[in-house]
Amino acid sequence: MLKELIQYIKEYEGDNDLGDYLDTRYVRLTEQHYDQIAGAMAEGELELKKSSSCPAERFFLHFNETILFVNKLTEEPNSIYDVEMIQNDGVPDDDKELLFVSFSIDDDYAPSLKKRVASGKTADENAQQLVMLSVIPILKGFMIAISD
């Protein structure tokens, strides 16, 4: 899935800046880590912080059948990070069920869907909104956790 996400990024950004991302950290959350972050968010154990307090410039976050590329370099005036997402909606390793979503988050982690045209599977806007909203809690929890 990582290869497909990079190809998706290339489609709308070109190869010009892709070399800048070669030093990007790749974090894969185990089920235990995912559950810990989700539990800490649900229990209010993490002190809420703005997304701008996250020290990471960019990173890949992989959990379940989802990979997020989170990048602080954004052209959106009210955004802190841009997020490119790939999610496998079907059987693992089945490229036919890949869903791509692009969005940005502001300082309070409020997401805004971006319009992207890609050759891969892109669902209708309502489905993209739902998928985007479903990953925000774990993204927020992870970014808050690494801010400590």
N, C-alpha and C. Protein backbone atom coordinates (compact mmCIF):
# COMPACT_ATOMS: atom_id res chain seq x y z
N MET A 1 0.82 -1.20 0.00
CA MET A 1 0.00 0.00 0.00
C MET A 1 0.86 1.27 0.00
N LEU A 2 2.04 1.20 0.61
CA LEU A 2 2.91 2.37 0.65
C LEU A 2 3.31 2.79 -0.76
N LYS A 3 3.62 1.82 -1.59
CA LYS A 3 3.99 2.10 -2.98
C LYS A 3 2.85 2.82 -3.70
N GLU A 4 1.63 2.38 -3.49
CA GLU A 4 0.48 2.99 -4.14
C GLU A 4 0.24 4.41 -3.62
N LEU A 5 0.48 4.63 -2.33
CA LEU A 5 0.31 5.97 -1.77
C LEU A 5 1.35 6.92 -2.37
N ILE A 6 2.59 6.47 -2.51
CA ILE A 6 3.62 7.30 -3.12
C ILE A 6 3.28 7.61 -4.57
N GLN A 7 2.75 6.63 -5.29
CA GLN A 7 2.34 6.85 -6.67
C GLN A 7 1.21 7.88 -6.72
N TYR A 8 0.29 7.81 -5.78
CA TYR A 8 -0.82 8.78 -5.70
C TYR A 8 -0.27 10.19 -5.48
N ILE A 9 0.71 10.33 -4.60
CA ILE A 9 1.32 11.64 -4.34
C ILE A 9 2.01 12.15 -5.60
N LYS A 10 2.71 11.27 -6.30
CA LYS A 10 3.39 11.66 -7.54
C LYS A 10 2.42 12.17 -8.58
N GLU A 11 1.23 11.60 -8.64
CA GLU A 11 0.26 11.98 -9.67
C GLU A 11 -0.11 13.45 -9.61
N TYR A 12 -0.21 14.02 -8.43
CA TYR A 12 -0.61 15.42 -8.36
C TYR A 12 0.52 16.36 -7.98
N GLU A 13 1.64 15.86 -7.47
CA GLU A 13 2.76 16.74 -7.14
C GLU A 13 3.92 16.59 -8.12
N GLY A 14 3.94 15.51 -8.87
CA GLY A 14 5.07 15.25 -9.74
C GLY A 14 6.24 14.71 -8.93
N ASP A 15 7.34 14.45 -9.59
CA ASP A 15 8.52 13.90 -8.92
C ASP A 15 9.39 14.98 -8.30
N ASN A 16 9.09 16.24 -8.52
CA ASN A 16 9.96 17.33 -8.10
C ASN A 16 10.33 17.29 -6.62
N ASP A 17 9.37 17.17 -5.74
CA ASP A 17 9.64 17.26 -4.31
C ASP A 17 9.70 15.91 -3.62
N LEU A 18 9.51 14.83 -4.33
CA LEU A 18 9.43 13.52 -3.69
C LEU A 18 10.73 13.15 -2.99
N GLY A 19 11.87 13.56 -3.52
CA GLY A 19 13.15 13.29 -2.89
C GLY A 19 13.25 13.90 -1.50
N ASP A 20 12.51 14.97 -1.27
CA ASP A 20 12.51 15.61 0.05
C ASP A 20 11.89 14.71 1.12
N TYR A 21 11.13 13.73 0.71
CA TYR A 21 10.42 12.88 1.66
C TYR A 21 11.15 11.60 2.00
N LEU A 22 12.32 11.39 1.42
CA LEU A 22 13.03 10.13 1.62
C LEU A 22 13.46 9.91 3.06
N ASP A 23 13.59 10.98 3.83
CA ASP A 23 13.98 10.86 5.23
C ASP A 23 12.78 10.78 6.17
N THR A 24 11.62 10.63 5.62
CA THR A 24 10.39 10.63 6.40
C THR A 24 10.29 9.37 7.26
N ARG A 25 9.91 9.56 8.51
CA ARG A 25 9.73 8.42 9.43
C ARG A 25 8.49 7.62 9.05
N TYR A 26 8.61 6.32 9.19
CA TYR A 26 7.50 5.41 8.95
C TYR A 26 7.19 4.74 10.28
N VAL A 27 5.97 4.95 10.77
CA VAL A 27 5.56 4.38 12.04
C VAL A 27 4.40 3.44 11.80
N ARG A 28 4.57 2.20 12.22
CA ARG A 28 3.48 1.23 12.11
C ARG A 28 2.98 0.93 13.52
N LEU A 29 1.73 1.23 13.76
CA LEU A 29 1.13 0.95 15.06
C LEU A 29 0.67 -0.50 15.11
N THR A 30 1.10 -1.21 16.13
CA THR A 30 0.59 -2.56 16.35
C THR A 30 -0.84 -2.43 16.87
N GLU A 31 -1.54 -3.53 16.93
CA GLU A 31 -2.90 -3.50 17.50
C GLU A 31 -2.86 -2.98 18.93
N GLN A 32 -1.84 -3.39 19.68
CA GLN A 32 -1.71 -2.94 21.07
C GLN A 32 -1.51 -1.43 21.14
N HIS A 33 -0.63 -0.89 20.30
CA HIS A 33 -0.41 0.56 20.29
C HIS A 33 -1.67 1.30 19.87
N TYR A 34 -2.34 0.78 18.86
CA TYR A 34 -3.58 1.39 18.39
C TYR A 34 -4.61 1.43 19.53
N ASP A 35 -4.75 0.30 20.21
CA ASP A 35 -5.71 0.23 21.33
C ASP A 35 -5.32 1.17 22.46
N GLN A 36 -4.01 1.30 22.75
CA GLN A 36 -3.56 2.20 23.81
C GLN A 36 -3.89 3.64 23.47
N ILE A 37 -3.62 4.05 22.22
CA ILE A 37 -3.92 5.42 21.82
C ILE A 37 -5.42 5.67 21.83
N ALA A 38 -6.18 4.75 21.27
CA ALA A 38 -7.64 4.90 21.24
C ALA A 38 -8.20 4.96 22.66
N GLY A 39 -7.70 4.10 23.54
CA GLY A 39 -8.16 4.10 24.93
C GLY A 39 -7.79 5.38 25.66
N ALA A 40 -6.58 5.86 25.45
CA ALA A 40 -6.14 7.09 26.10
C ALA A 40 -6.98 8.28 25.63
N MET A 41 -7.33 8.30 24.35
CA MET A 41 -8.17 9.38 23.84
C MET A 41 -9.57 9.29 24.44
N ALA A 42 -10.12 8.09 24.48
CA ALA A 42 -11.48 7.91 25.01
C ALA A 42 -11.56 8.25 26.49
N GLU A 43 -10.51 7.95 27.24
CA GLU A 43 -10.49 8.19 28.68
C GLU A 43 -10.02 9.60 29.05
N GLY A 44 -9.62 10.38 28.06
CA GLY A 44 -9.14 11.73 28.32
C GLY A 44 -7.79 11.76 29.02
N GLU A 45 -6.99 10.71 28.81
CA GLU A 45 -5.70 10.63 29.48
C GLU A 45 -4.62 11.47 28.80
N LEU A 46 -4.85 11.87 27.56
CA LEU A 46 -3.87 12.70 26.87
C LEU A 46 -4.27 14.16 26.98
N GLU A 47 -3.31 14.98 27.36
CA GLU A 47 -3.57 16.42 27.46
C GLU A 47 -3.71 16.98 26.05
N LEU A 48 -4.84 17.63 25.79
CA LEU A 48 -5.08 18.17 24.46
C LEU A 48 -4.06 19.24 24.12
N LYS A 49 -3.51 19.15 22.92
CA LYS A 49 -2.54 20.11 22.42
C LYS A 49 -2.89 20.42 20.97
N LYS A 50 -2.48 21.58 20.54
CA LYS A 50 -2.69 21.99 19.16
C LYS A 50 -1.82 21.15 18.23
N SER A 51 -2.25 20.97 17.00
CA SER A 51 -1.46 20.18 16.06
C SER A 51 -0.11 20.85 15.78
N SER A 52 -0.06 22.16 15.88
CA SER A 52 1.20 22.88 15.65
C SER A 52 2.26 22.57 16.71
N SER A 53 1.84 21.98 17.83
CA SER A 53 2.82 21.62 18.88
C SER A 53 3.50 20.29 18.58
N CYS A 54 3.04 19.56 17.57
CA CYS A 54 3.66 18.30 17.19
C CYS A 54 5.04 18.61 16.57
N PRO A 55 6.09 17.96 17.07
CA PRO A 55 7.43 18.27 16.58
C PRO A 55 7.75 17.69 15.20
N ALA A 56 6.96 16.78 14.71
CA ALA A 56 7.25 16.12 13.43
C ALA A 56 6.89 17.01 12.25
N GLU A 57 7.81 17.11 11.32
CA GLU A 57 7.55 17.84 10.08
C GLU A 57 6.70 17.01 9.13
N ARG A 58 7.01 15.70 9.08
CA ARG A 58 6.26 14.79 8.23
C ARG A 58 6.54 13.35 8.69
N PHE A 59 5.55 12.49 8.48
CA PHE A 59 5.70 11.08 8.85
C PHE A 59 4.62 10.26 8.16
N PHE A 60 4.91 8.98 8.02
CA PHE A 60 3.92 8.00 7.57
C PHE A 60 3.40 7.31 8.82
N LEU A 61 2.11 7.21 8.96
CA LEU A 61 1.49 6.51 10.08
C LEU A 61 0.65 5.37 9.52
N HIS A 62 1.02 4.14 9.86
CA HIS A 62 0.36 2.95 9.33
C HIS A 62 -0.33 2.23 10.48
N PHE A 63 -1.63 2.03 10.35
CA PHE A 63 -2.40 1.26 11.33
C PHE A 63 -3.52 0.54 10.61
N ASN A 64 -3.81 -0.65 11.11
CA ASN A 64 -4.82 -1.49 10.46
C ASN A 64 -4.54 -1.55 8.95
N GLU A 65 -5.50 -1.23 8.14
CA GLU A 65 -5.33 -1.23 6.68
C GLU A 65 -5.29 0.20 6.14
N THR A 66 -4.66 1.09 6.89
CA THR A 66 -4.60 2.51 6.54
C THR A 66 -3.18 3.02 6.67
N ILE A 67 -2.75 3.84 5.71
CA ILE A 67 -1.49 4.55 5.81
C ILE A 67 -1.78 6.02 5.56
N LEU A 68 -1.27 6.87 6.45
CA LEU A 68 -1.39 8.32 6.31
C LEU A 68 0.00 8.90 6.06
N PHE A 69 0.10 9.81 5.11
CA PHE A 69 1.31 10.61 4.96
C PHE A 69 0.95 11.99 5.47
N VAL A 70 1.56 12.39 6.57
CA VAL A 70 1.24 13.64 7.25
C VAL A 70 2.41 14.59 7.02
N ASN A 71 2.13 15.75 6.44
CA ASN A 71 3.18 16.67 6.00
C ASN A 71 2.86 18.09 6.45
N LYS A 72 3.80 18.70 7.16
CA LYS A 72 3.60 20.06 7.67
C LYS A 72 3.68 21.10 6.56
N LEU A 73 4.30 20.76 5.44
CA LEU A 73 4.37 21.69 4.32
C LEU A 73 3.01 21.73 3.63
N THR A 74 2.28 22.79 3.85
CA THR A 74 0.95 22.91 3.27
C THR A 74 0.80 24.27 2.62
N GLU A 75 -0.01 24.33 1.60
CA GLU A 75 -0.29 25.60 0.93
C GLU A 75 -1.62 26.18 1.38
N GLU A 76 -2.35 25.44 2.19
CA GLU A 76 -3.64 25.92 2.67
C GLU A 76 -3.42 26.94 3.78
N PRO A 77 -4.03 28.12 3.70
CA PRO A 77 -3.75 29.18 4.68
C PRO A 77 -4.14 28.85 6.12
N ASN A 78 -5.20 28.09 6.34
CA ASN A 78 -5.64 27.79 7.70
C ASN A 78 -5.22 26.40 8.17
N SER A 79 -4.39 25.73 7.39
CA SER A 79 -4.01 24.36 7.71
C SER A 79 -2.62 24.31 8.32
N ILE A 80 -2.43 23.32 9.16
CA ILE A 80 -1.13 23.07 9.76
C ILE A 80 -0.46 21.90 9.06
N TYR A 81 -1.22 20.86 8.74
CA TYR A 81 -0.69 19.67 8.07
C TYR A 81 -1.60 19.29 6.91
N ASP A 82 -0.98 18.74 5.86
CA ASP A 82 -1.71 18.06 4.79
C ASP A 82 -1.59 16.57 5.06
N VAL A 83 -2.63 15.84 4.73
CA VAL A 83 -2.64 14.40 4.95
C VAL A 83 -3.10 13.71 3.66
N GLU A 84 -2.29 12.77 3.21
CA GLU A 84 -2.65 11.92 2.08
C GLU A 84 -2.87 10.53 2.66
N MET A 85 -3.97 9.93 2.31
CA MET A 85 -4.38 8.69 2.96
C MET A 85 -4.69 7.62 1.92
N ILE A 86 -4.31 6.40 2.26
CA ILE A 86 -4.71 5.24 1.48
C ILE A 86 -5.29 4.23 2.47
N GLN A 87 -6.39 3.63 2.08
CA GLN A 87 -7.02 2.62 2.93
C GLN A 87 -7.47 1.47 2.05
N ASN A 88 -7.25 0.26 2.53
CA ASN A 88 -7.71 -0.93 1.82
C ASN A 88 -9.08 -1.29 2.37
N ASP A 89 -10.07 -1.16 1.51
CA ASP A 89 -11.46 -1.44 1.89
C ASP A 89 -11.83 -2.92 1.81
N GLY A 90 -10.95 -3.70 1.21
CA GLY A 90 -11.31 -5.10 0.97
C GLY A 90 -10.31 -6.05 1.60
N VAL A 91 -9.95 -7.04 0.84
CA VAL A 91 -9.02 -8.06 1.27
C VAL A 91 -7.61 -7.46 1.29
N PRO A 92 -6.82 -7.71 2.35
CA PRO A 92 -5.45 -7.20 2.35
C PRO A 92 -4.70 -7.58 1.07
N ASP A 93 -3.88 -6.67 0.59
CA ASP A 93 -3.07 -6.85 -0.62
C ASP A 93 -3.91 -6.92 -1.89
N ASP A 94 -5.14 -6.44 -1.84
CA ASP A 94 -5.99 -6.39 -3.03
C ASP A 94 -6.04 -4.93 -3.51
N ASP A 95 -5.25 -4.61 -4.52
CA ASP A 95 -5.14 -3.24 -5.02
C ASP A 95 -6.46 -2.68 -5.55
N LYS A 96 -7.40 -3.54 -5.88
CA LYS A 96 -8.66 -3.08 -6.46
C LYS A 96 -9.54 -2.38 -5.43
N GLU A 97 -9.28 -2.59 -4.17
CA GLU A 97 -10.13 -2.01 -3.13
C GLU A 97 -9.46 -0.85 -2.40
N LEU A 98 -8.45 -0.22 -3.01
CA LEU A 98 -7.76 0.88 -2.37
C LEU A 98 -8.55 2.17 -2.51
N LEU A 99 -8.64 2.90 -1.43
CA LEU A 99 -9.35 4.17 -1.39
C LEU A 99 -8.35 5.25 -1.04
N PHE A 100 -8.31 6.32 -1.82
CA PHE A 100 -7.41 7.44 -1.59
C PHE A 100 -8.22 8.65 -1.12
N VAL A 101 -7.71 9.34 -0.11
CA VAL A 101 -8.36 10.54 0.39
C VAL A 101 -7.26 11.56 0.73
N SER A 102 -7.47 12.81 0.35
CA SER A 102 -6.54 13.89 0.68
C SER A 102 -7.29 14.92 1.50
N PHE A 103 -6.67 15.34 2.60
CA PHE A 103 -7.28 16.37 3.43
C PHE A 103 -6.22 17.14 4.18
N SER A 104 -6.62 18.22 4.80
CA SER A 104 -5.71 18.99 5.64
C SER A 104 -6.36 19.12 7.02
N ILE A 105 -5.52 19.39 8.01
CA ILE A 105 -6.05 19.61 9.36
C ILE A 105 -5.56 20.97 9.86
N ASP A 106 -6.41 21.61 10.63
CA ASP A 106 -6.02 22.89 11.21
C ASP A 106 -5.42 22.66 12.60
N ASP A 107 -5.22 23.71 13.35
CA ASP A 107 -4.56 23.59 14.65
C ASP A 107 -5.39 22.82 15.67
N ASP A 108 -6.70 22.72 15.44
CA ASP A 108 -7.58 21.97 16.34
C ASP A 108 -7.94 20.59 15.77
N TYR A 109 -7.19 20.15 14.78
CA TYR A 109 -7.37 18.84 14.12
C TYR A 109 -8.67 18.74 13.32
N ALA A 110 -9.29 19.87 13.02
CA ALA A 110 -10.50 19.85 12.18
C ALA A 110 -10.06 19.60 10.74
N PRO A 111 -10.60 18.55 10.11
CA PRO A 111 -10.17 18.20 8.75
C PRO A 111 -10.97 18.93 7.67
N SER A 112 -10.30 19.15 6.55
CA SER A 112 -10.95 19.71 5.35
C SER A 112 -10.55 18.84 4.17
N LEU A 113 -11.54 18.27 3.52
CA LEU A 113 -11.31 17.40 2.38
C LEU A 113 -10.75 18.21 1.21
N LYS A 114 -9.77 17.63 0.50
CA LYS A 114 -9.20 18.25 -0.69
C LYS A 114 -9.68 17.49 -1.91
N LYS A 115 -9.90 18.19 -2.97
CA LYS A 115 -10.30 17.57 -4.23
C LYS A 115 -9.05 17.09 -4.95
N ARG A 116 -8.99 15.82 -5.24
CA ARG A 116 -7.88 15.25 -5.99
C ARG A 116 -8.45 14.33 -7.05
N VAL A 117 -7.81 14.31 -8.19
CA VAL A 117 -8.17 13.38 -9.24
C VAL A 117 -7.03 12.38 -9.34
N ALA A 118 -7.34 11.12 -9.16
CA ALA A 118 -6.31 10.09 -9.18
C ALA A 118 -6.81 8.91 -10.00
N SER A 119 -5.87 8.14 -10.50
CA SER A 119 -6.26 6.98 -11.30
C SER A 119 -6.76 5.83 -10.43
N GLY A 120 -6.43 5.84 -9.13
CA GLY A 120 -6.88 4.79 -8.23
C GLY A 120 -8.34 4.97 -7.86
N LYS A 121 -8.80 4.17 -6.97
CA LYS A 121 -10.19 4.23 -6.54
C LYS A 121 -10.39 5.46 -5.65
N THR A 122 -11.28 6.30 -6.04
CA THR A 122 -11.67 7.42 -5.19
C THR A 122 -13.18 7.33 -5.03
N ALA A 123 -13.63 7.28 -3.83
CA ALA A 123 -15.06 7.14 -3.55
C ALA A 123 -15.73 8.50 -3.71
N ASP A 124 -17.04 8.49 -3.61
CA ASP A 124 -17.74 9.76 -3.65
C ASP A 124 -17.37 10.59 -2.43
N GLU A 125 -17.70 11.86 -2.47
CA GLU A 125 -17.28 12.79 -1.42
C GLU A 125 -17.80 12.40 -0.04
N ASN A 126 -19.02 11.88 0.06
CA ASN A 126 -19.56 11.47 1.35
C ASN A 126 -18.76 10.33 1.96
N ALA A 127 -18.39 9.35 1.13
CA ALA A 127 -17.58 8.23 1.62
C ALA A 127 -16.20 8.72 2.04
N GLN A 128 -15.63 9.64 1.26
CA GLN A 128 -14.33 10.19 1.63
C GLN A 128 -14.40 10.93 2.97
N GLN A 129 -15.48 11.68 3.16
CA GLN A 129 -15.66 12.40 4.42
C GLN A 129 -15.71 11.43 5.60
N LEU A 130 -16.47 10.35 5.45
CA LEU A 130 -16.60 9.36 6.52
C LEU A 130 -15.27 8.70 6.85
N VAL A 131 -14.53 8.32 5.82
CA VAL A 131 -13.23 7.68 6.03
C VAL A 131 -12.26 8.67 6.69
N MET A 132 -12.27 9.91 6.21
CA MET A 132 -11.41 10.94 6.77
C MET A 132 -11.72 11.13 8.26
N LEU A 133 -12.97 11.26 8.58
CA LEU A 133 -13.37 11.48 9.98
C LEU A 133 -13.04 10.28 10.86
N SER A 134 -13.04 9.09 10.28
CA SER A 134 -12.76 7.89 11.08
C SER A 134 -11.30 7.80 11.52
N VAL A 135 -10.38 8.43 10.80
CA VAL A 135 -8.96 8.34 11.17
C VAL A 135 -8.49 9.50 12.05
N ILE A 136 -9.28 10.55 12.15
CA ILE A 136 -8.87 11.73 12.91
C ILE A 136 -8.57 11.41 14.38
N PRO A 137 -9.39 10.63 15.09
CA PRO A 137 -9.07 10.37 16.51
C PRO A 137 -7.70 9.71 16.72
N ILE A 138 -7.36 8.73 15.90
CA ILE A 138 -6.07 8.06 16.10
C ILE A 138 -4.92 8.97 15.66
N LEU A 139 -5.12 9.74 14.60
CA LEU A 139 -4.10 10.70 14.18
C LEU A 139 -3.88 11.75 15.26
N LYS A 140 -4.95 12.26 15.79
CA LYS A 140 -4.87 13.26 16.85
C LYS A 140 -4.17 12.69 18.08
N GLY A 141 -4.57 11.50 18.50
CA GLY A 141 -3.96 10.87 19.66
C GLY A 141 -2.47 10.62 19.47
N PHE A 142 -2.10 10.16 18.28
CA PHE A 142 -0.69 9.90 17.99
C PHE A 142 0.10 11.21 18.03
N MET A 143 -0.41 12.25 17.39
CA MET A 143 0.32 13.53 17.34
C MET A 143 0.44 14.15 18.73
N ILE A 144 -0.59 14.02 19.54
CA ILE A 144 -0.52 14.53 20.91
C ILE A 144 0.50 13.73 21.72
N ALA A 145 0.49 12.41 21.55
CA ALA A 145 1.41 11.54 22.29
C ALA A 145 2.86 11.84 21.97
N ILE A 146 3.18 12.12 20.70
CA ILE A 146 4.57 12.39 20.37
C ILE A 146 4.98 13.83 20.69
N SER A 147 3.99 14.65 21.06
CA SER A 147 4.29 16.03 21.47
C SER A 147 4.81 16.08 22.90
N ASP A 148 4.58 15.01 23.66
CA ASP A 148 5.01 15.01 25.07
C ASP A 148 6.50 14.81 25.19
